[in-house]
Amino acid sequence: MVRIAKFKGTVPIYLAFLTFPLLNFKSPTFFTKFNVLGTLSVFYLLAFTAAKLFECGFNMDFTDRESIHYAKPFSWKFPALTGTMTLSYFIHNAVLTILRNQHNPEHNTRDLAIGYLLAVVCYVFIGFTFYAGFPVYRNCISDNFLNNFGPGDILSSTARLFLLFQMITVLPLLMFLIRSQLCYAFLGKTWPGVGLVLLMNCGIICIAVAVAILYPNVGSILRYVGSFSGLMYLFALPCLVYMRKLHTEGRLTSTKKIIHITIIALGFLNFCAQFLI
């Protein structure tokens, strides 16, 4: 218990000091290039889950409810998945910032489509192979799937190192996106100066460390934040902007209005459902 308390209480602080110098670069090129290194961990996680499926075998039983391998064909807790996935595919407010420095902007649509396709393949492959090969009851699966393996498992320990490396490469890019958007919205420029950037990054890092220490439930954080952000950026704003455009052009029909209001309602229900499971 003491080890867990120390792990949750001190490691986030150590990582904050370790990563803070990487957050203050001015050029976005550094963040995008540095983030590419994170794909190494993705390749390892794909190989890791495939190896575990090969080791444990296919352990899914859809008929025998008493079996430890029983997998429900349907669960009313599915909003946990939809809430998480809305954040997993959520990049809408960052697309323009990332692609603004594209060397060949005419390829933006193609590159974005390829990026989404690769994300889908990775999510489905890792999620399915781990779930299919899990050797005991499904309700034992942790929100961080690596927590299902003991410290003596060399492959999972290596996976943790790769995942840590990926987070270190992704964090600077996320901080750059937050910084540039907030500064541009309130100050009209993406780089307000070294002093303000240091102060802003310090504040955001402190919030992140506090959450990591006080509420280290990554699954719940993902679905709550994902469903709320998805409601705003995935469901509501695109539909409202599109309907506004159609309205000014005189092309907003009742059918289109119903369809887009329904989409917004689905996003709202997805957010509300997170509090009911």
C-alpha atoms as a PDB file:
ATOM      1  CA  MET A   1       0.000   0.000   0.000  1.00  0.00           C
ATOM      2  CA  VAL A   2       2.892   2.326   0.797  1.00  0.00           C
ATOM      3  CA  ARG A   3       4.480   1.592  -2.575  1.00  0.00           C
ATOM      4  CA  ILE A   4       1.251   2.426  -4.393  1.00  0.00           C
ATOM      5  CA  ALA A   5       0.844   5.664  -2.453  1.00  0.00           C
ATOM      6  CA  LYS A   6       4.393   6.697  -3.288  1.00  0.00           C
ATOM      7  CA  PHE A   7       3.960   5.684  -6.922  1.00  0.00           C
ATOM      8  CA  LYS A   8       0.788   7.756  -7.292  1.00  0.00           C
ATOM      9  CA  GLY A   9       2.059  10.637  -5.193  1.00  0.00           C
ATOM     10  CA  THR A  10       5.604  11.190  -6.379  1.00  0.00           C
ATOM     11  CA  VAL A  11       6.026   9.795  -9.902  1.00  0.00           C
ATOM     12  CA  PRO A  12       3.757  12.451 -11.522  1.00  0.00           C
ATOM     13  CA  ILE A  13       5.885  15.159  -9.868  1.00  0.00           C
ATOM     14  CA  TYR A  14       9.119  13.596 -11.136  1.00  0.00           C
ATOM     15  CA  LEU A  15       7.676  13.340 -14.649  1.00  0.00           C
ATOM     16  CA  ALA A  16       6.516  16.956 -14.511  1.00  0.00           C
ATOM     17  CA  PHE A  17      10.078  18.152 -13.875  1.00  0.00           C
ATOM     18  CA  LEU A  18      11.387  15.768 -16.540  1.00  0.00           C
ATOM     19  CA  THR A  19       9.033  16.900 -19.307  1.00  0.00           C
ATOM     20  CA  PHE A  20       8.670  20.601 -18.497  1.00  0.00           C
ATOM     21  CA  PRO A  21      11.742  21.742 -20.505  1.00  0.00           C
ATOM     22  CA  LEU A  22      10.267  20.069 -23.616  1.00  0.00           C
ATOM     23  CA  LEU A  23       7.096  22.175 -23.446  1.00  0.00           C
ATOM     24  CA  ASN A  24       8.582  25.604 -24.041  1.00  0.00           C
ATOM     25  CA  PHE A  25       9.902  25.488 -27.594  1.00  0.00           C
ATOM     26  CA  LYS A  26       8.582  28.147 -29.940  1.00  0.00           C
ATOM     27  CA  SER A  27       8.746  26.299 -33.263  1.00  0.00           C
ATOM     28  CA  PRO A  28       5.891  23.848 -33.982  1.00  0.00           C
ATOM     29  CA  THR A  29       8.254  21.851 -36.196  1.00  0.00           C
ATOM     30  CA  PHE A  30      10.002  20.479 -33.109  1.00  0.00           C
ATOM     31  CA  PHE A  31       6.736  19.204 -31.641  1.00  0.00           C
ATOM     32  CA  THR A  32       5.556  17.470 -34.820  1.00  0.00           C
ATOM     33  CA  LYS A  33       8.961  15.896 -35.509  1.00  0.00           C
ATOM     34  CA  PHE A  34       9.420  14.820 -31.888  1.00  0.00           C
ATOM     35  CA  ASN A  35       5.928  13.311 -31.823  1.00  0.00           C
ATOM     36  CA  VAL A  36       6.856  10.974 -34.688  1.00  0.00           C
ATOM     37  CA  LEU A  37       9.122   9.058 -32.289  1.00  0.00           C
ATOM     38  CA  GLY A  38       5.997   8.044 -30.353  1.00  0.00           C
ATOM     39  CA  THR A  39       4.989   5.706 -33.169  1.00  0.00           C
ATOM     40  CA  LEU A  40       7.719   3.331 -31.979  1.00  0.00           C
ATOM     41  CA  SER A  41       5.639   2.548 -28.898  1.00  0.00           C
ATOM     42  CA  VAL A  42       2.565   1.946 -31.058  1.00  0.00           C
ATOM     43  CA  PHE A  43       4.418  -0.716 -33.041  1.00  0.00           C
ATOM     44  CA  TYR A  44       5.555  -2.365 -29.823  1.00  0.00           C
ATOM     45  CA  LEU A  45       2.045  -2.346 -28.318  1.00  0.00           C
ATOM     46  CA  LEU A  46       0.683  -3.961 -31.482  1.00  0.00           C
ATOM     47  CA  ALA A  47       3.342  -6.671 -31.285  1.00  0.00           C
ATOM     48  CA  PHE A  48       2.833  -7.035 -27.514  1.00  0.00           C
ATOM     49  CA  THR A  49      -0.924  -7.649 -27.716  1.00  0.00           C
ATOM     50  CA  ALA A  50      -0.452 -10.029 -30.648  1.00  0.00           C
ATOM     51  CA  ALA A  51       2.132 -11.993 -28.639  1.00  0.00           C
ATOM     52  CA  LYS A  52      -0.211 -12.192 -25.628  1.00  0.00           C
ATOM     53  CA  LEU A  53      -3.045 -13.473 -27.834  1.00  0.00           C
ATOM     54  CA  PHE A  54      -0.699 -16.115 -29.247  1.00  0.00           C
ATOM     55  CA  GLU A  55       0.411 -17.043 -25.712  1.00  0.00           C
ATOM     56  CA  CYS A  56      -3.045 -17.197 -24.081  1.00  0.00           C
ATOM     57  CA  GLY A  57      -5.082 -18.299 -27.075  1.00  0.00           C
ATOM     58  CA  PHE A  58      -8.597 -17.246 -28.052  1.00  0.00           C
ATOM     59  CA  ASN A  59     -10.609 -17.145 -24.806  1.00  0.00           C
ATOM     60  CA  MET A  60     -14.104 -15.981 -25.725  1.00  0.00           C
ATOM     61  CA  ASP A  61     -17.302 -17.915 -25.011  1.00  0.00           C
ATOM     62  CA  PHE A  62     -20.605 -16.363 -26.072  1.00  0.00           C
ATOM     63  CA  THR A  63     -22.931 -19.136 -24.805  1.00  0.00           C
ATOM     64  CA  ASP A  64     -21.854 -20.496 -21.403  1.00  0.00           C
ATOM     65  CA  ARG A  65     -22.628 -17.804 -18.817  1.00  0.00           C
ATOM     66  CA  GLU A  66     -20.789 -19.753 -16.092  1.00  0.00           C
ATOM     67  CA  SER A  67     -17.519 -19.866 -18.017  1.00  0.00           C
ATOM     68  CA  ILE A  68     -14.685 -17.557 -16.984  1.00  0.00           C
ATOM     69  CA  HIS A  69     -14.268 -16.854 -20.695  1.00  0.00           C
ATOM     70  CA  TYR A  70     -17.876 -15.737 -21.152  1.00  0.00           C
ATOM     71  CA  ALA A  71     -18.143 -12.502 -23.118  1.00  0.00           C
ATOM     72  CA  LYS A  72     -21.467 -10.690 -23.174  1.00  0.00           C
ATOM     73  CA  PRO A  73     -22.643  -9.946 -26.713  1.00  0.00           C
ATOM     74  CA  PHE A  74     -24.151  -6.714 -25.369  1.00  0.00           C
ATOM     75  CA  SER A  75     -23.810  -4.591 -22.242  1.00  0.00           C
ATOM     76  CA  TRP A  76     -25.712  -1.507 -21.145  1.00  0.00           C
ATOM     77  CA  LYS A  77     -22.376  -0.062 -20.054  1.00  0.00           C
ATOM     78  CA  PHE A  78     -21.473   0.588 -23.698  1.00  0.00           C
ATOM     79  CA  PRO A  79     -21.547   4.411 -23.155  1.00  0.00           C
ATOM     80  CA  ALA A  80     -18.169   3.977 -21.424  1.00  0.00           C
ATOM     81  CA  LEU A  81     -16.838   2.916 -24.822  1.00  0.00           C
ATOM     82  CA  THR A  82     -18.605   5.635 -26.810  1.00  0.00           C
ATOM     83  CA  GLY A  83     -17.416   8.298 -24.366  1.00  0.00           C
ATOM     84  CA  THR A  84     -13.836   7.090 -24.610  1.00  0.00           C
ATOM     85  CA  MET A  85     -13.922   6.769 -28.386  1.00  0.00           C
ATOM     86  CA  THR A  86     -15.193  10.312 -28.868  1.00  0.00           C
ATOM     87  CA  LEU A  87     -11.948  11.464 -27.253  1.00  0.00           C
ATOM     88  CA  SER A  88      -9.867   8.866 -29.086  1.00  0.00           C
ATOM     89  CA  TYR A  89     -10.950  10.300 -32.439  1.00  0.00           C
ATOM     90  CA  PHE A  90     -11.085  13.882 -31.185  1.00  0.00           C
ATOM     91  CA  ILE A  91      -8.583  16.066 -33.005  1.00  0.00           C
ATOM     92  CA  HIS A  92     -10.975  18.551 -34.569  1.00  0.00           C
ATOM     93  CA  ASN A  93      -9.767  21.663 -32.771  1.00  0.00           C
ATOM     94  CA  ALA A  94      -6.129  20.756 -33.466  1.00  0.00           C
ATOM     95  CA  VAL A  95      -6.280  19.785 -37.135  1.00  0.00           C
ATOM     96  CA  LEU A  96      -5.787  23.295 -38.490  1.00  0.00           C
ATOM     97  CA  THR A  97      -2.941  23.987 -36.072  1.00  0.00           C
ATOM     98  CA  ILE A  98      -1.138  20.766 -37.027  1.00  0.00           C
ATOM     99  CA  LEU A  99      -1.719  21.018 -40.776  1.00  0.00           C
ATOM    100  CA  ARG A 100      -0.989  24.737 -41.004  1.00  0.00           C
ATOM    101  CA  ASN A 101       2.716  23.938 -41.344  1.00  0.00           C
ATOM    102  CA  GLN A 102       2.233  21.109 -43.843  1.00  0.00           C
ATOM    103  CA  HIS A 103       4.866  21.211 -46.596  1.00  0.00           C
ATOM    104  CA  ASN A 104       2.320  20.051 -49.203  1.00  0.00           C
ATOM    105  CA  PRO A 105      -1.083  21.392 -48.067  1.00  0.00           C
ATOM    106  CA  GLU A 106      -2.808  19.903 -51.110  1.00  0.00           C
ATOM    107  CA  HIS A 107      -2.346  16.499 -49.446  1.00  0.00           C
ATOM    108  CA  ASN A 108      -4.080  17.489 -46.194  1.00  0.00           C
ATOM    109  CA  THR A 109      -7.297  15.567 -46.875  1.00  0.00           C
ATOM    110  CA  ARG A 110      -5.426  12.433 -47.905  1.00  0.00           C
ATOM    111  CA  ASP A 111      -3.035  12.562 -44.941  1.00  0.00           C
ATOM    112  CA  LEU A 112      -5.836  13.179 -42.447  1.00  0.00           C
ATOM    113  CA  ALA A 113      -7.844  10.253 -43.841  1.00  0.00           C
ATOM    114  CA  ILE A 114      -4.798   7.980 -43.603  1.00  0.00           C
ATOM    115  CA  GLY A 115      -4.199   9.133 -40.030  1.00  0.00           C
ATOM    116  CA  TYR A 116      -7.765   8.315 -38.986  1.00  0.00           C
ATOM    117  CA  LEU A 117      -7.589   4.925 -40.733  1.00  0.00           C
ATOM    118  CA  LEU A 118      -4.370   4.003 -38.941  1.00  0.00           C
ATOM    119  CA  ALA A 119      -5.886   5.101 -35.621  1.00  0.00           C
ATOM    120  CA  VAL A 120      -8.927   2.877 -36.213  1.00  0.00           C
ATOM    121  CA  VAL A 121      -6.736  -0.110 -37.086  1.00  0.00           C
ATOM    122  CA  CYS A 122      -4.600   0.343 -33.958  1.00  0.00           C
ATOM    123  CA  TYR A 123      -7.581   0.777 -31.615  1.00  0.00           C
ATOM    124  CA  VAL A 124      -9.483  -2.207 -33.003  1.00  0.00           C
ATOM    125  CA  PHE A 125      -6.464  -4.503 -33.174  1.00  0.00           C
ATOM    126  CA  ILE A 126      -5.189  -3.803 -29.651  1.00  0.00           C
ATOM    127  CA  GLY A 127      -8.665  -3.767 -28.104  1.00  0.00           C
ATOM    128  CA  PHE A 128      -9.871  -6.958 -29.781  1.00  0.00           C
ATOM    129  CA  THR A 129      -6.711  -9.032 -29.362  1.00  0.00           C
ATOM    130  CA  PHE A 130      -6.387  -8.179 -25.673  1.00  0.00           C
ATOM    131  CA  TYR A 131     -10.086  -8.771 -24.977  1.00  0.00           C
ATOM    132  CA  ALA A 132     -10.157 -12.010 -26.967  1.00  0.00           C
ATOM    133  CA  GLY A 133      -7.088 -13.442 -25.260  1.00  0.00           C
ATOM    134  CA  PHE A 134      -7.874 -12.319 -21.690  1.00  0.00           C
ATOM    135  CA  PRO A 135      -7.722 -15.588 -19.689  1.00  0.00           C
ATOM    136  CA  VAL A 136     -10.115 -14.809 -16.790  1.00  0.00           C
ATOM    137  CA  TYR A 137     -13.371 -12.927 -16.134  1.00  0.00           C
ATOM    138  CA  ARG A 138     -13.854  -9.839 -18.311  1.00  0.00           C
ATOM    139  CA  ASN A 139     -14.852  -7.680 -15.349  1.00  0.00           C
ATOM    140  CA  CYS A 140     -11.264  -8.037 -14.074  1.00  0.00           C
ATOM    141  CA  ILE A 141      -9.915  -5.966 -16.968  1.00  0.00           C
ATOM    142  CA  SER A 142      -8.402  -2.707 -15.710  1.00  0.00           C
ATOM    143  CA  ASP A 143      -8.987   0.633 -17.436  1.00  0.00           C
ATOM    144  CA  ASN A 144      -5.228   0.636 -18.108  1.00  0.00           C
ATOM    145  CA  PHE A 145      -4.774  -2.781 -19.684  1.00  0.00           C
ATOM    146  CA  LEU A 146      -1.099  -2.960 -18.682  1.00  0.00           C
ATOM    147  CA  ASN A 147      -2.193  -3.047 -15.024  1.00  0.00           C
ATOM    148  CA  ASN A 148      -3.480  -6.579 -15.670  1.00  0.00           C
ATOM    149  CA  PHE A 149       0.100  -7.838 -15.805  1.00  0.00           C
ATOM    150  CA  GLY A 150       2.394  -8.274 -12.831  1.00  0.00           C
ATOM    151  CA  PRO A 151       5.747  -6.511 -12.423  1.00  0.00           C
ATOM    152  CA  GLY A 152       7.530  -9.766 -13.282  1.00  0.00           C
ATOM    153  CA  ASP A 153       6.183  -9.798 -16.826  1.00  0.00           C
ATOM    154  CA  ILE A 154       9.097  -8.563 -18.941  1.00  0.00           C
ATOM    155  CA  LEU A 155       7.006  -7.825 -22.032  1.00  0.00           C
ATOM    156  CA  SER A 156       4.480  -5.716 -20.107  1.00  0.00           C
ATOM    157  CA  SER A 157       7.248  -3.868 -18.243  1.00  0.00           C
ATOM    158  CA  THR A 158       8.839  -3.047 -21.593  1.00  0.00           C
ATOM    159  CA  ALA A 159       5.423  -1.946 -22.874  1.00  0.00           C
ATOM    160  CA  ARG A 160       5.150   0.469 -19.949  1.00  0.00           C
ATOM    161  CA  LEU A 161       8.494   2.007 -20.889  1.00  0.00           C
ATOM    162  CA  PHE A 162       7.408   2.389 -24.510  1.00  0.00           C
ATOM    163  CA  LEU A 163       4.079   3.875 -23.407  1.00  0.00           C
ATOM    164  CA  LEU A 164       5.888   6.328 -21.137  1.00  0.00           C
ATOM    165  CA  PHE A 165       8.093   7.301 -24.059  1.00  0.00           C
ATOM    166  CA  GLN A 166       5.013   7.835 -26.214  1.00  0.00           C
ATOM    167  CA  MET A 167       3.386  10.044 -23.594  1.00  0.00           C
ATOM    168  CA  ILE A 168       6.572  12.106 -23.306  1.00  0.00           C
ATOM    169  CA  THR A 169       6.565  12.662 -27.077  1.00  0.00           C
ATOM    170  CA  VAL A 170       2.834  13.444 -27.274  1.00  0.00           C
ATOM    171  CA  LEU A 171       2.650  15.816 -24.294  1.00  0.00           C
ATOM    172  CA  PRO A 172       4.744  18.626 -25.858  1.00  0.00           C
ATOM    173  CA  LEU A 173       2.534  18.630 -28.961  1.00  0.00           C
ATOM    174  CA  LEU A 174      -0.648  18.765 -26.881  1.00  0.00           C
ATOM    175  CA  MET A 175       0.752  21.584 -24.773  1.00  0.00           C
ATOM    176  CA  PHE A 176       1.722  23.475 -27.926  1.00  0.00           C
ATOM    177  CA  LEU A 177      -1.831  23.123 -29.260  1.00  0.00           C
ATOM    178  CA  ILE A 178      -3.362  24.320 -25.984  1.00  0.00           C
ATOM    179  CA  ARG A 179      -0.930  27.215 -25.723  1.00  0.00           C
ATOM    180  CA  SER A 180      -1.280  28.394 -29.309  1.00  0.00           C
ATOM    181  CA  GLN A 181      -5.081  28.244 -29.278  1.00  0.00           C
ATOM    182  CA  LEU A 182      -5.520  29.976 -25.926  1.00  0.00           C
ATOM    183  CA  CYS A 183      -2.983  32.679 -26.735  1.00  0.00           C
ATOM    184  CA  TYR A 184      -4.420  33.302 -30.178  1.00  0.00           C
ATOM    185  CA  ALA A 185      -7.971  33.488 -28.796  1.00  0.00           C
ATOM    186  CA  PHE A 186      -7.145  35.938 -25.993  1.00  0.00           C
ATOM    187  CA  LEU A 187      -3.978  37.711 -27.180  1.00  0.00           C
ATOM    188  CA  GLY A 188      -4.179  37.440 -30.957  1.00  0.00           C
ATOM    189  CA  LYS A 189      -0.823  35.674 -31.313  1.00  0.00           C
ATOM    190  CA  THR A 190       0.433  32.137 -30.767  1.00  0.00           C
ATOM    191  CA  TRP A 191       3.703  33.116 -29.030  1.00  0.00           C
ATOM    192  CA  PRO A 192       3.111  35.728 -26.301  1.00  0.00           C
ATOM    193  CA  GLY A 193       6.659  35.652 -24.971  1.00  0.00           C
ATOM    194  CA  VAL A 194       8.844  33.360 -22.899  1.00  0.00           C
ATOM    195  CA  GLY A 195       7.575  34.568 -19.523  1.00  0.00           C
ATOM    196  CA  LEU A 196       3.896  34.055 -20.255  1.00  0.00           C
ATOM    197  CA  VAL A 197       4.563  30.709 -21.935  1.00  0.00           C
ATOM    198  CA  LEU A 198       6.477  29.459 -18.882  1.00  0.00           C
ATOM    199  CA  LEU A 199       3.698  30.638 -16.567  1.00  0.00           C
ATOM    200  CA  MET A 200       0.972  29.031 -18.671  1.00  0.00           C
ATOM    201  CA  ASN A 201       2.816  25.726 -19.033  1.00  0.00           C
ATOM    202  CA  CYS A 202       3.528  25.662 -15.307  1.00  0.00           C
ATOM    203  CA  GLY A 203      -0.155  26.164 -14.510  1.00  0.00           C
ATOM    204  CA  ILE A 204      -1.316  23.436 -16.888  1.00  0.00           C
ATOM    205  CA  ILE A 205       1.321  20.995 -15.637  1.00  0.00           C
ATOM    206  CA  CYS A 206       0.270  21.636 -12.021  1.00  0.00           C
ATOM    207  CA  ILE A 207      -3.337  20.840 -12.901  1.00  0.00           C
ATOM    208  CA  ALA A 208      -2.260  17.641 -14.669  1.00  0.00           C
ATOM    209  CA  VAL A 209      -0.119  16.542 -11.719  1.00  0.00           C
ATOM    210  CA  ALA A 210      -2.964  17.226  -9.277  1.00  0.00           C
ATOM    211  CA  VAL A 211      -5.339  15.077 -11.325  1.00  0.00           C
ATOM    212  CA  ALA A 212      -2.744  12.288 -11.620  1.00  0.00           C
ATOM    213  CA  ILE A 213      -2.298  12.249  -7.838  1.00  0.00           C
ATOM    214  CA  LEU A 214      -5.863  12.804  -6.636  1.00  0.00           C
ATOM    215  CA  TYR A 215      -7.871  11.018  -9.347  1.00  0.00           C
ATOM    216  CA  PRO A 216      -5.631   8.573 -11.275  1.00  0.00           C
ATOM    217  CA  ASN A 217      -8.566   6.837 -13.000  1.00  0.00           C
ATOM    218  CA  VAL A 218      -7.595   7.190 -16.630  1.00  0.00           C
ATOM    219  CA  GLY A 219     -10.645   5.350 -17.968  1.00  0.00           C
ATOM    220  CA  SER A 220     -13.136   7.631 -16.226  1.00  0.00           C
ATOM    221  CA  ILE A 221     -11.184  10.744 -17.201  1.00  0.00           C
ATOM    222  CA  LEU A 222     -11.150   9.687 -20.847  1.00  0.00           C
ATOM    223  CA  ARG A 223     -14.873   9.025 -21.058  1.00  0.00           C
ATOM    224  CA  TYR A 224     -15.990  12.122 -19.134  1.00  0.00           C
ATOM    225  CA  VAL A 225     -13.667  14.513 -20.955  1.00  0.00           C
ATOM    226  CA  GLY A 226     -14.211  12.720 -24.245  1.00  0.00           C
ATOM    227  CA  SER A 227     -17.989  12.805 -24.117  1.00  0.00           C
ATOM    228  CA  PHE A 228     -18.044  16.493 -23.141  1.00  0.00           C
ATOM    229  CA  SER A 229     -15.462  17.551 -25.724  1.00  0.00           C
ATOM    230  CA  GLY A 230     -17.174  15.382 -28.304  1.00  0.00           C
ATOM    231  CA  LEU A 231     -20.515  16.993 -27.554  1.00  0.00           C
ATOM    232  CA  MET A 232     -19.044  20.413 -28.247  1.00  0.00           C
ATOM    233  CA  TYR A 233     -16.631  19.811 -31.127  1.00  0.00           C
ATOM    234  CA  LEU A 234     -17.847  16.602 -32.796  1.00  0.00           C
ATOM    235  CA  PHE A 235     -21.617  16.841 -32.494  1.00  0.00           C
ATOM    236  CA  ALA A 236     -22.792  20.383 -31.741  1.00  0.00           C
ATOM    237  CA  LEU A 237     -20.476  22.945 -33.356  1.00  0.00           C
ATOM    238  CA  PRO A 238     -20.093  21.285 -36.805  1.00  0.00           C
ATOM    239  CA  CYS A 239     -23.852  20.793 -37.088  1.00  0.00           C
ATOM    240  CA  LEU A 240     -24.686  24.301 -35.865  1.00  0.00           C
ATOM    241  CA  VAL A 241     -22.159  25.947 -38.182  1.00  0.00           C
ATOM    242  CA  TYR A 242     -23.353  23.877 -41.128  1.00  0.00           C
ATOM    243  CA  MET A 243     -27.015  24.659 -40.420  1.00  0.00           C
ATOM    244  CA  ARG A 244     -26.168  28.343 -40.071  1.00  0.00           C
ATOM    245  CA  LYS A 245     -24.450  28.259 -43.460  1.00  0.00           C
ATOM    246  CA  LEU A 246     -27.432  26.530 -45.068  1.00  0.00           C
ATOM    247  CA  HIS A 247     -29.792  29.010 -43.424  1.00  0.00           C
ATOM    248  CA  THR A 248     -27.940  32.044 -44.815  1.00  0.00           C
ATOM    249  CA  GLU A 249     -28.007  30.431 -48.263  1.00  0.00           C
ATOM    250  CA  GLY A 250     -31.702  29.577 -47.978  1.00  0.00           C
ATOM    251  CA  ARG A 251     -31.054  25.829 -48.317  1.00  0.00           C
ATOM    252  CA  LEU A 252     -31.896  24.672 -44.781  1.00  0.00           C
ATOM    253  CA  THR A 253     -34.774  22.224 -45.163  1.00  0.00           C
ATOM    254  CA  SER A 254     -36.783  20.602 -42.381  1.00  0.00           C
ATOM    255  CA  THR A 255     -35.217  17.225 -43.140  1.00  0.00           C
ATOM    256  CA  LYS A 256     -31.659  18.550 -42.793  1.00  0.00           C
ATOM    257  CA  LYS A 257     -32.617  20.369 -39.617  1.00  0.00           C
ATOM    258  CA  ILE A 258     -34.048  17.204 -38.050  1.00  0.00           C
ATOM    259  CA  ILE A 259     -31.009  15.128 -39.049  1.00  0.00           C
ATOM    260  CA  HIS A 260     -28.495  17.548 -37.550  1.00  0.00           C
ATOM    261  CA  ILE A 261     -30.512  18.187 -34.395  1.00  0.00           C
ATOM    262  CA  THR A 262     -30.674  14.409 -33.943  1.00  0.00           C
ATOM    263  CA  ILE A 263     -26.881  14.213 -34.209  1.00  0.00           C
ATOM    264  CA  ILE A 264     -26.522  16.885 -31.513  1.00  0.00           C
ATOM    265  CA  ALA A 265     -29.037  15.028 -29.333  1.00  0.00           C
ATOM    266  CA  LEU A 266     -27.011  11.815 -29.662  1.00  0.00           C
ATOM    267  CA  GLY A 267     -23.918  13.656 -28.462  1.00  0.00           C
ATOM    268  CA  PHE A 268     -25.856  15.057 -25.504  1.00  0.00           C
ATOM    269  CA  LEU A 269     -27.195  11.608 -24.599  1.00  0.00           C
ATOM    270  CA  ASN A 270     -23.685  10.189 -24.848  1.00  0.00           C
ATOM    271  CA  PHE A 271     -22.474  12.782 -22.338  1.00  0.00           C
ATOM    272  CA  CYS A 272     -25.377  12.250 -19.928  1.00  0.00           C
ATOM    273  CA  ALA A 273     -24.983   8.468 -20.085  1.00  0.00           C
ATOM    274  CA  GLN A 274     -21.507   8.704 -18.541  1.00  0.00           C
ATOM    275  CA  PHE A 275     -23.125   9.591 -15.202  1.00  0.00           C
ATOM    276  CA  LEU A 276     -25.483   6.601 -15.297  1.00  0.00           C
ATOM    277  CA  ILE A 277     -22.997   3.731 -15.557  1.00  0.00           C
END
